[in-house]
Amino acid sequence: MTVPTPPVEIIDPRIPGPFDRCICCFEPPSGGTYCLNCGLDGWYLDVLDKKLKGKRCAYHPERPAQAFCVICGEPICTSCEVRRGRSLLGGFETPQCRYCLDTIARLKKNFAELLKRNQTCAKHPAQPAQLSCVGCGLLHCDCCLYYVVKGIFRKQIVKGPYCLPCFRRKIYRASWISAYEARHRQMI
């Protein structure tokens, strides 16, 4: 059985990229460390080269800064810092301020509500949504979702569907099939 040509490009989730747009909503880069359209975060700036000595908190000027927020790059005090982790690539600390995290949460919520209201794909607003990602819950067309499959000759779906960011975060190296191909092979 031949699978018809999909209406939009199906991206191999195991290959890095695309780098010219957000991997969640395909909007062009907004110049920040999170997408201003959908709120996808994780593209942190390396702010280690900035010096803290004598800096004041950007949100509480009466308090001394304890760190720089890795999202906005602003100096923040201990009461502004909500979360601190470690970079997987560089091993440096990643303090994050409540203002950035609140903005990202608001953008994600508004984006999800817009998709549900319009029943459209997160990446292709002209395409109707078919399914939602089991990781993040965002609606997508069949070309934007991936199932994990097992088996060599007779493939079976074992997990999914996942959107591109969730597939890369949770699965990454597994064998996969797009929801588009799975639907046309009558696997779903």
C-alpha atoms as a PDB file:
ATOM      1  CA  MET A   1       0.000   0.000   0.000  1.00  0.00           C
ATOM      2  CA  THR A   2       1.467   3.330  -1.025  1.00  0.00           C
ATOM      3  CA  VAL A   3       1.050   6.288   1.249  1.00  0.00           C
ATOM      4  CA  PRO A   4      -0.089   9.471  -0.530  1.00  0.00           C
ATOM      5  CA  THR A   5       2.077  12.561  -0.401  1.00  0.00           C
ATOM      6  CA  PRO A   6       1.390  14.490   2.829  1.00  0.00           C
ATOM      7  CA  PRO A   7      -0.063  18.004   2.569  1.00  0.00           C
ATOM      8  CA  VAL A   8       2.869  19.457   4.559  1.00  0.00           C
ATOM      9  CA  GLU A   9       6.476  18.432   5.250  1.00  0.00           C
ATOM     10  CA  ILE A  10       7.078  15.601   7.721  1.00  0.00           C
ATOM     11  CA  ILE A  11      10.267  16.284   9.698  1.00  0.00           C
ATOM     12  CA  ASP A  12      12.448  13.412  10.921  1.00  0.00           C
ATOM     13  CA  PRO A  13      12.342  13.931  14.710  1.00  0.00           C
ATOM     14  CA  ARG A  14      15.798  12.381  15.170  1.00  0.00           C
ATOM     15  CA  ILE A  15      17.554  14.986  13.018  1.00  0.00           C
ATOM     16  CA  PRO A  16      18.296  18.345  14.736  1.00  0.00           C
ATOM     17  CA  GLY A  17      16.457  21.407  13.480  1.00  0.00           C
ATOM     18  CA  PRO A  18      14.784  23.258  11.992  1.00  0.00           C
ATOM     19  CA  PHE A  19      16.919  26.134  13.220  1.00  0.00           C
ATOM     20  CA  ASP A  20      15.180  28.925  11.323  1.00  0.00           C
ATOM     21  CA  ARG A  21      11.915  28.685  13.314  1.00  0.00           C
ATOM     22  CA  CYS A  22      10.406  27.530  16.579  1.00  0.00           C
ATOM     23  CA  ILE A  23      10.159  23.722  16.663  1.00  0.00           C
ATOM     24  CA  CYS A  24       6.773  23.884  18.397  1.00  0.00           C
ATOM     25  CA  CYS A  25       4.798  26.414  16.305  1.00  0.00           C
ATOM     26  CA  PHE A  26       7.149  27.076  13.322  1.00  0.00           C
ATOM     27  CA  GLU A  27       7.090  30.849  13.894  1.00  0.00           C
ATOM     28  CA  PRO A  28      10.278  32.775  13.018  1.00  0.00           C
ATOM     29  CA  PRO A  29      12.636  33.456  15.941  1.00  0.00           C
ATOM     30  CA  SER A  30      11.536  36.272  18.211  1.00  0.00           C
ATOM     31  CA  GLY A  31      15.024  37.238  19.314  1.00  0.00           C
ATOM     32  CA  GLY A  32      14.621  35.980  22.870  1.00  0.00           C
ATOM     33  CA  THR A  33      15.187  32.779  24.752  1.00  0.00           C
ATOM     34  CA  TYR A  34      11.575  31.666  24.439  1.00  0.00           C
ATOM     35  CA  CYS A  35       9.041  31.840  21.615  1.00  0.00           C
ATOM     36  CA  LEU A  36       6.754  34.867  21.871  1.00  0.00           C
ATOM     37  CA  ASN A  37       4.021  32.981  19.979  1.00  0.00           C
ATOM     38  CA  CYS A  38       3.729  29.667  21.840  1.00  0.00           C
ATOM     39  CA  GLY A  39       5.998  30.123  24.885  1.00  0.00           C
ATOM     40  CA  LEU A  40       8.396  27.272  24.100  1.00  0.00           C
ATOM     41  CA  ASP A  41      11.373  27.818  26.352  1.00  0.00           C
ATOM     42  CA  GLY A  42      14.772  26.237  26.680  1.00  0.00           C
ATOM     43  CA  TRP A  43      16.980  28.281  24.364  1.00  0.00           C
ATOM     44  CA  TYR A  44      18.861  29.949  27.219  1.00  0.00           C
ATOM     45  CA  LEU A  45      21.473  32.613  26.841  1.00  0.00           C
ATOM     46  CA  ASP A  46      24.896  32.077  28.330  1.00  0.00           C
ATOM     47  CA  VAL A  47      25.092  34.998  30.749  1.00  0.00           C
ATOM     48  CA  LEU A  48      28.105  33.773  32.698  1.00  0.00           C
ATOM     49  CA  ASP A  49      30.382  36.434  31.281  1.00  0.00           C
ATOM     50  CA  LYS A  50      28.440  39.233  33.008  1.00  0.00           C
ATOM     51  CA  LYS A  51      29.664  40.440  36.394  1.00  0.00           C
ATOM     52  CA  LEU A  52      27.309  40.666  39.388  1.00  0.00           C
ATOM     53  CA  LYS A  53      29.414  42.906  41.599  1.00  0.00           C
ATOM     54  CA  GLY A  54      27.476  46.052  42.458  1.00  0.00           C
ATOM     55  CA  LYS A  55      24.412  45.063  40.383  1.00  0.00           C
ATOM     56  CA  ARG A  56      20.931  45.651  41.744  1.00  0.00           C
ATOM     57  CA  CYS A  57      17.880  43.497  41.093  1.00  0.00           C
ATOM     58  CA  ALA A  58      16.049  44.608  37.928  1.00  0.00           C
ATOM     59  CA  TYR A  59      12.678  44.180  39.658  1.00  0.00           C
ATOM     60  CA  HIS A  60      13.642  45.249  43.200  1.00  0.00           C
ATOM     61  CA  PRO A  61      16.287  48.009  42.855  1.00  0.00           C
ATOM     62  CA  GLU A  62      16.667  48.243  46.625  1.00  0.00           C
ATOM     63  CA  ARG A  63      18.038  44.659  46.757  1.00  0.00           C
ATOM     64  CA  PRO A  64      21.422  43.399  45.548  1.00  0.00           C
ATOM     65  CA  ALA A  65      21.417  40.968  42.633  1.00  0.00           C
ATOM     66  CA  GLN A  66      22.378  37.370  43.418  1.00  0.00           C
ATOM     67  CA  ALA A  67      22.301  35.974  39.866  1.00  0.00           C
ATOM     68  CA  PHE A  68      21.360  36.702  36.284  1.00  0.00           C
ATOM     69  CA  CYS A  69      18.198  35.129  34.903  1.00  0.00           C
ATOM     70  CA  VAL A  70      19.261  32.831  32.062  1.00  0.00           C
ATOM     71  CA  ILE A  71      16.063  33.626  30.162  1.00  0.00           C
ATOM     72  CA  CYS A  72      15.949  37.436  30.162  1.00  0.00           C
ATOM     73  CA  GLY A  73      19.557  38.109  31.234  1.00  0.00           C
ATOM     74  CA  GLU A  74      18.465  40.583  33.925  1.00  0.00           C
ATOM     75  CA  PRO A  75      20.095  40.678  37.384  1.00  0.00           C
ATOM     76  CA  ILE A  76      17.720  39.194  39.973  1.00  0.00           C
ATOM     77  CA  CYS A  77      17.578  38.947  43.761  1.00  0.00           C
ATOM     78  CA  THR A  78      16.846  35.804  45.759  1.00  0.00           C
ATOM     79  CA  SER A  79      13.110  36.576  46.001  1.00  0.00           C
ATOM     80  CA  CYS A  80      12.829  36.882  42.191  1.00  0.00           C
ATOM     81  CA  GLU A  81      14.588  33.583  41.534  1.00  0.00           C
ATOM     82  CA  VAL A  82      12.025  30.800  41.279  1.00  0.00           C
ATOM     83  CA  ARG A  83      13.954  27.962  39.716  1.00  0.00           C
ATOM     84  CA  ARG A  84      17.607  27.006  39.367  1.00  0.00           C
ATOM     85  CA  GLY A  85      18.928  24.080  37.430  1.00  0.00           C
ATOM     86  CA  ARG A  86      22.084  23.021  35.607  1.00  0.00           C
ATOM     87  CA  SER A  87      22.803  23.293  31.914  1.00  0.00           C
ATOM     88  CA  LEU A  88      23.222  19.881  30.303  1.00  0.00           C
ATOM     89  CA  LEU A  89      25.728  21.237  27.812  1.00  0.00           C
ATOM     90  CA  GLY A  90      27.896  23.531  29.937  1.00  0.00           C
ATOM     91  CA  GLY A  91      27.170  22.364  33.459  1.00  0.00           C
ATOM     92  CA  PHE A  92      26.637  25.934  34.654  1.00  0.00           C
ATOM     93  CA  GLU A  93      23.742  26.978  36.883  1.00  0.00           C
ATOM     94  CA  THR A  94      20.567  28.261  35.238  1.00  0.00           C
ATOM     95  CA  PRO A  95      18.690  30.618  37.588  1.00  0.00           C
ATOM     96  CA  GLN A  96      15.299  31.713  36.247  1.00  0.00           C
ATOM     97  CA  CYS A  97      13.130  34.609  37.420  1.00  0.00           C
ATOM     98  CA  ARG A  98       9.438  34.484  38.235  1.00  0.00           C
ATOM     99  CA  TYR A  99       8.640  37.159  35.645  1.00  0.00           C
ATOM    100  CA  CYS A 100      10.016  35.124  32.744  1.00  0.00           C
ATOM    101  CA  LEU A 101       8.422  31.900  33.968  1.00  0.00           C
ATOM    102  CA  ASP A 102       5.050  33.645  34.439  1.00  0.00           C
ATOM    103  CA  THR A 103       5.274  35.118  30.923  1.00  0.00           C
ATOM    104  CA  ILE A 104       6.156  31.733  29.425  1.00  0.00           C
ATOM    105  CA  ALA A 105       3.284  30.024  31.280  1.00  0.00           C
ATOM    106  CA  ARG A 106       0.835  32.699  30.086  1.00  0.00           C
ATOM    107  CA  LEU A 107       2.012  32.369  26.466  1.00  0.00           C
ATOM    108  CA  LYS A 108       1.713  28.572  26.580  1.00  0.00           C
ATOM    109  CA  LYS A 109      -1.791  28.756  28.053  1.00  0.00           C
ATOM    110  CA  ASN A 110      -2.986  31.332  25.498  1.00  0.00           C
ATOM    111  CA  PHE A 111      -1.489  29.326  22.621  1.00  0.00           C
ATOM    112  CA  ALA A 112      -3.161  26.077  23.763  1.00  0.00           C
ATOM    113  CA  GLU A 113      -6.516  27.866  24.164  1.00  0.00           C
ATOM    114  CA  LEU A 114      -6.232  29.355  20.664  1.00  0.00           C
ATOM    115  CA  LEU A 115      -5.546  25.921  19.162  1.00  0.00           C
ATOM    116  CA  LYS A 116      -8.487  24.332  21.002  1.00  0.00           C
ATOM    117  CA  ARG A 117     -10.815  27.146  19.990  1.00  0.00           C
ATOM    118  CA  ASN A 118      -9.833  26.973  16.305  1.00  0.00           C
ATOM    119  CA  GLN A 119      -9.129  23.204  16.209  1.00  0.00           C
ATOM    120  CA  THR A 120      -6.008  23.820  14.119  1.00  0.00           C
ATOM    121  CA  CYS A 121      -2.481  22.432  14.056  1.00  0.00           C
ATOM    122  CA  ALA A 122       0.124  24.180  16.234  1.00  0.00           C
ATOM    123  CA  LYS A 123       2.608  24.326  13.344  1.00  0.00           C
ATOM    124  CA  HIS A 124       0.237  24.701  10.392  1.00  0.00           C
ATOM    125  CA  PRO A 125      -2.690  27.020  11.220  1.00  0.00           C
ATOM    126  CA  ALA A 126      -4.343  26.223   7.866  1.00  0.00           C
ATOM    127  CA  GLN A 127      -4.457  22.481   8.681  1.00  0.00           C
ATOM    128  CA  PRO A 128      -7.176  21.021  10.904  1.00  0.00           C
ATOM    129  CA  ALA A 129      -5.943  19.318  14.066  1.00  0.00           C
ATOM    130  CA  GLN A 130      -6.292  15.548  14.122  1.00  0.00           C
ATOM    131  CA  LEU A 131      -4.804  14.514  17.475  1.00  0.00           C
ATOM    132  CA  SER A 132      -3.090  15.979  20.503  1.00  0.00           C
ATOM    133  CA  CYS A 133       0.404  15.194  21.774  1.00  0.00           C
ATOM    134  CA  VAL A 134       0.427  12.876  24.798  1.00  0.00           C
ATOM    135  CA  GLY A 135       3.368  14.844  26.216  1.00  0.00           C
ATOM    136  CA  CYS A 136       2.220  18.462  26.106  1.00  0.00           C
ATOM    137  CA  GLY A 137      -1.403  18.183  24.962  1.00  0.00           C
ATOM    138  CA  LEU A 138      -1.063  20.587  21.998  1.00  0.00           C
ATOM    139  CA  LEU A 139      -3.184  19.884  18.937  1.00  0.00           C
ATOM    140  CA  HIS A 140      -1.441  18.929  15.681  1.00  0.00           C
ATOM    141  CA  CYS A 141      -2.171  17.637  12.204  1.00  0.00           C
ATOM    142  CA  ASP A 142      -1.081  14.084  11.367  1.00  0.00           C
ATOM    143  CA  CYS A 143       2.120  15.322   9.701  1.00  0.00           C
ATOM    144  CA  CYS A 144       3.364  16.864  12.955  1.00  0.00           C
ATOM    145  CA  LEU A 145       2.921  13.873  15.269  1.00  0.00           C
ATOM    146  CA  TYR A 146       5.092  10.803  15.742  1.00  0.00           C
ATOM    147  CA  TYR A 147       4.485   7.348  17.137  1.00  0.00           C
ATOM    148  CA  VAL A 148       7.174   5.103  18.561  1.00  0.00           C
ATOM    149  CA  VAL A 149       7.091   1.735  16.804  1.00  0.00           C
ATOM    150  CA  LYS A 150       8.687  -1.649  17.412  1.00  0.00           C
ATOM    151  CA  GLY A 151       9.152  -4.594  15.125  1.00  0.00           C
ATOM    152  CA  ILE A 152      11.084  -5.023  11.905  1.00  0.00           C
ATOM    153  CA  PHE A 153       8.634  -6.508   9.423  1.00  0.00           C
ATOM    154  CA  ARG A 154       5.322  -5.941  11.138  1.00  0.00           C
ATOM    155  CA  LYS A 155       5.625  -2.613  12.934  1.00  0.00           C
ATOM    156  CA  GLN A 156       3.415  -1.948  15.921  1.00  0.00           C
ATOM    157  CA  ILE A 157       2.751   1.340  17.669  1.00  0.00           C
ATOM    158  CA  VAL A 158       3.929   1.267  21.283  1.00  0.00           C
ATOM    159  CA  LYS A 159       3.838   4.961  22.345  1.00  0.00           C
ATOM    160  CA  GLY A 160       2.483   8.257  21.148  1.00  0.00           C
ATOM    161  CA  PRO A 161       1.539  10.377  19.481  1.00  0.00           C
ATOM    162  CA  TYR A 162       4.254  12.927  20.310  1.00  0.00           C
ATOM    163  CA  CYS A 163       4.914  16.354  18.816  1.00  0.00           C
ATOM    164  CA  LEU A 164       8.454  17.180  17.683  1.00  0.00           C
ATOM    165  CA  PRO A 165       9.669  18.840  20.945  1.00  0.00           C
ATOM    166  CA  CYS A 166       8.173  16.101  23.158  1.00  0.00           C
ATOM    167  CA  PHE A 167       9.544  13.306  20.965  1.00  0.00           C
ATOM    168  CA  ARG A 168      13.003  14.840  21.169  1.00  0.00           C
ATOM    169  CA  ARG A 169      12.784  15.346  24.951  1.00  0.00           C
ATOM    170  CA  LYS A 170      11.365  11.925  25.847  1.00  0.00           C
ATOM    171  CA  ILE A 171      12.228   9.388  23.146  1.00  0.00           C
ATOM    172  CA  TYR A 172      14.700  10.747  20.566  1.00  0.00           C
ATOM    173  CA  ARG A 173      16.456   7.625  19.228  1.00  0.00           C
ATOM    174  CA  ALA A 174      13.484   5.282  18.897  1.00  0.00           C
ATOM    175  CA  SER A 175      12.050   3.965  15.648  1.00  0.00           C
ATOM    176  CA  TRP A 176       9.164   6.147  14.621  1.00  0.00           C
ATOM    177  CA  ILE A 177       6.335   6.583  12.165  1.00  0.00           C
ATOM    178  CA  SER A 178       4.413   9.762  11.474  1.00  0.00           C
ATOM    179  CA  ALA A 179       0.746   9.814  12.407  1.00  0.00           C
ATOM    180  CA  TYR A 180       0.054  10.592   8.737  1.00  0.00           C
ATOM    181  CA  GLU A 181       1.713   7.369   7.577  1.00  0.00           C
ATOM    182  CA  ALA A 182       0.235   5.364  10.454  1.00  0.00           C
ATOM    183  CA  ARG A 183      -3.277   6.529   9.533  1.00  0.00           C
ATOM    184  CA  HIS A 184      -2.801   5.618   5.880  1.00  0.00           C
ATOM    185  CA  ARG A 185      -1.445   2.184   6.837  1.00  0.00           C
ATOM    186  CA  GLN A 186      -4.478   1.778   9.102  1.00  0.00           C
ATOM    187  CA  MET A 187      -2.349   1.413  12.227  1.00  0.00           C
ATOM    188  CA  ILE A 188      -4.474   3.957  14.106  1.00  0.00           C
END
